[in-house]
Protein backbone atom coordinates (compact mmCIF):
# COMPACT_ATOMS: atom_id res chain seq x y z
CA MET A 1 70.66 -85.53 -53.31
CA TRP A 2 70.84 -81.73 -53.12
CA ALA A 3 73.98 -81.94 -51.00
CA PHE A 4 75.57 -84.15 -53.65
CA LEU A 5 74.61 -81.77 -56.48
CA THR A 6 75.76 -78.74 -54.51
CA GLY A 7 79.06 -80.49 -53.82
CA MET A 8 79.47 -81.30 -57.51
CA TYR A 9 78.70 -77.72 -58.44
CA LEU A 10 80.89 -76.02 -55.87
CA GLY A 11 83.74 -78.49 -56.36
CA LYS A 12 83.45 -78.19 -60.16
CA ILE A 13 83.59 -81.99 -60.35
CA GLU A 14 81.96 -82.16 -63.77
CA GLU A 15 84.49 -79.72 -65.20
CA LYS A 16 87.39 -81.73 -63.81
CA ILE A 17 85.98 -84.96 -65.29
CA ALA A 18 85.38 -83.26 -68.66
CA VAL A 19 89.01 -82.12 -68.86
CA HIS A 20 90.24 -85.71 -68.50
CA ASN A 21 87.54 -87.57 -70.43
CA ASP A 22 86.55 -86.87 -74.04
CA LEU A 23 83.29 -88.78 -73.58
CA MET A 24 82.00 -86.34 -70.95
CA ILE A 25 79.13 -84.13 -72.15
CA SER A 26 80.29 -80.57 -72.59
CA THR A 27 77.37 -79.04 -70.68
CA TYR A 28 77.36 -79.29 -66.93
CA LYS A 29 74.09 -80.37 -65.28
CA ALA A 30 74.88 -79.74 -61.61
CA GLU A 31 74.67 -75.99 -62.21
CA ASP A 32 71.16 -76.32 -63.68
CA PHE A 33 69.94 -78.32 -60.72
CA ASN A 34 71.51 -75.85 -58.33
CA ASP A 35 69.66 -73.03 -60.07
CA ILE A 36 66.41 -74.86 -59.28
CA LEU A 37 67.53 -75.29 -55.67
CA ARG A 38 68.49 -71.62 -55.39
CA TYR A 39 65.19 -70.49 -56.94
CA ASN A 40 63.18 -72.66 -54.56
CA TYR A 41 65.23 -71.56 -51.56
CA VAL A 42 64.72 -67.89 -52.39
CA SER A 43 61.05 -68.29 -53.39
CA PHE A 44 60.02 -70.23 -50.31
CA GLY A 45 61.59 -67.55 -48.13
CA MET A 46 59.62 -64.78 -49.78
CA PRO A 47 56.19 -63.65 -48.65
CA GLY A 48 53.32 -65.23 -50.54
CA TYR A 49 51.20 -63.59 -53.19
CA SER A 50 49.47 -60.40 -52.08
CA LYS A 51 46.38 -61.16 -49.97
CA GLU A 52 44.90 -57.80 -50.98
CA LYS A 53 45.15 -58.69 -54.66
CA GLU A 54 43.69 -62.14 -54.03
CA GLU A 55 40.73 -60.57 -52.20
CA LEU A 56 40.18 -58.18 -55.12
CA TYR A 57 40.28 -61.05 -57.63
CA HIS A 58 37.82 -63.06 -55.54
CA TRP A 59 35.50 -60.05 -55.37
CA VAL A 60 35.48 -59.87 -59.18
CA TYR A 61 34.65 -63.56 -59.39
CA ASN A 62 31.98 -63.55 -56.67
CA GLU A 63 30.25 -60.31 -57.67
CA LEU A 64 30.66 -60.20 -61.45
CA ILE A 65 31.86 -63.39 -63.16
CA SER A 66 29.69 -65.81 -61.16
CA LYS A 67 26.67 -63.58 -61.84
CA GLY A 68 27.03 -63.74 -65.62
CA GLU A 69 29.68 -61.18 -66.60
CA GLU A 70 31.79 -62.95 -69.23
CA ILE A 71 34.97 -60.94 -68.97
CA VAL A 72 36.44 -58.37 -66.61
CA PRO A 73 39.91 -57.65 -67.99
CA MET A 74 42.77 -56.49 -65.81
CA ALA A 75 45.01 -53.50 -66.29
CA GLY A 76 48.20 -54.62 -64.58
CA TYR A 77 51.38 -56.60 -65.00
CA TRP A 78 51.13 -59.83 -66.99
CA GLU A 79 52.34 -61.88 -64.00
CA ASP A 80 49.44 -60.56 -61.92
CA ASP A 81 47.07 -61.09 -64.83
CA LEU A 82 47.87 -64.81 -64.96
CA TRP A 83 47.00 -65.18 -61.27
CA TYR A 84 43.91 -63.05 -61.76
CA GLN A 85 42.62 -65.12 -64.69
CA ALA A 86 43.16 -68.34 -62.73
CA ILE A 87 41.43 -67.10 -59.58
CA SER A 88 38.53 -65.41 -61.38
CA ASP A 89 38.03 -68.28 -63.87
CA GLN A 90 38.61 -66.20 -66.99
CA ARG A 91 40.63 -66.83 -70.14
CA TYR A 92 41.62 -64.01 -72.40
CA TYR A 93 44.93 -64.12 -74.21
CA GLY A 94 47.16 -61.80 -76.19
CA TRP A 95 46.09 -58.52 -74.63
CA GLY A 96 49.61 -57.11 -74.74
CA GLN A 97 50.04 -56.64 -70.99
CA SER A 98 53.77 -56.16 -71.54
CA ASP A 99 53.40 -53.78 -74.51
CA PRO A 100 55.33 -50.65 -73.42
CA ASP A 101 52.94 -48.14 -75.02
CA HIS A 102 49.80 -50.18 -74.13
CA THR A 103 48.34 -49.79 -77.66
CA ASP A 104 47.56 -53.49 -78.04
CA TYR A 105 45.92 -53.62 -74.62
CA PHE A 106 43.61 -50.67 -75.29
CA ASN A 107 42.73 -51.99 -78.77
CA HIS A 108 41.60 -55.25 -77.14
CA LEU A 109 39.79 -53.39 -74.37
CA ASN A 110 37.85 -51.18 -76.81
CA ALA A 111 36.93 -54.18 -78.99
CA SER A 112 35.81 -56.34 -76.06
CA ASP A 113 32.29 -56.74 -74.73
CA ALA A 114 33.54 -56.10 -71.19
CA SER A 115 31.44 -53.80 -69.04
CA TYR A 116 33.97 -53.59 -66.22
CA ILE A 117 37.73 -53.43 -65.81
CA LEU A 118 39.99 -54.25 -62.88
CA VAL A 119 42.92 -51.85 -62.39
CA LEU A 120 45.93 -52.45 -60.16
CA LYS A 121 47.30 -49.19 -58.78
CA ASP A 122 50.89 -50.48 -58.60
CA SER A 123 51.05 -51.23 -62.34
CA GLN A 124 52.90 -49.37 -65.07
CA ILE A 125 49.78 -49.07 -67.23
CA TYR A 126 47.97 -47.30 -64.38
CA ALA A 127 50.91 -44.92 -63.90
CA ASP A 128 51.09 -44.19 -67.64
CA GLU A 129 47.32 -43.82 -68.19
CA GLN A 130 46.18 -42.60 -64.79
CA ALA A 131 43.96 -39.83 -66.19
CA TYR A 132 41.90 -42.38 -68.13
CA PHE A 133 41.61 -44.87 -65.29
CA ASP A 134 40.78 -42.22 -62.70
CA SER A 135 37.99 -40.90 -64.94
CA LEU A 136 36.15 -44.24 -64.78
CA GLU A 137 33.24 -44.79 -62.39
CA ARG A 138 34.50 -47.08 -59.63
CA ILE A 139 32.18 -49.74 -58.28
CA TYR A 140 34.66 -51.34 -55.87
CA ASP A 141 37.85 -49.75 -54.54
CA THR A 142 40.63 -51.00 -52.29
CA GLY A 143 44.10 -49.74 -51.48
CA ILE A 144 45.67 -52.05 -54.08
CA GLY A 145 43.26 -51.55 -56.98
CA PHE A 146 39.71 -51.01 -58.11
CA VAL A 147 36.96 -52.26 -60.39
CA ALA A 148 35.35 -49.68 -62.64
CA ARG A 149 32.81 -49.42 -65.44
CA LYS A 150 34.63 -49.58 -68.76
CA GLU A 151 34.48 -46.67 -71.16
CA LEU A 152 36.13 -46.47 -74.57
CA TYR A 153 39.74 -45.38 -74.50
CA GLU A 154 40.50 -42.61 -76.96
């Protein structure tokens, strides 16, 4: 199947048919299917999700969430936050993880009942607000990130 679609895409078969047939749909589908193939080919060849991050997320779940803490928000990229919420069994939405000045995120953080926060050291928010995050009392620290007691952001 993929060989057929790749052949159609590379040989521009759909375009050739469209030129000679008015009934042919003007959008070509072989290219879309080849994008899926290319994405899968590239993705499967890449290393998996960071084991260090997974271990940190599991620590939050095992030591905080499963023992009654309702929310431990993450300071990191939104892509990491989706994995984190899934692994740690949390659901908090609309925290503005992609907000460039982080105002929305800190407004949510200050308004939340969270006692702890997880911070990823490779994130833009950590780089931009490192003084704040480094001032927090850390309760668990790894090379990739840390969990700290939350204090109000001013």
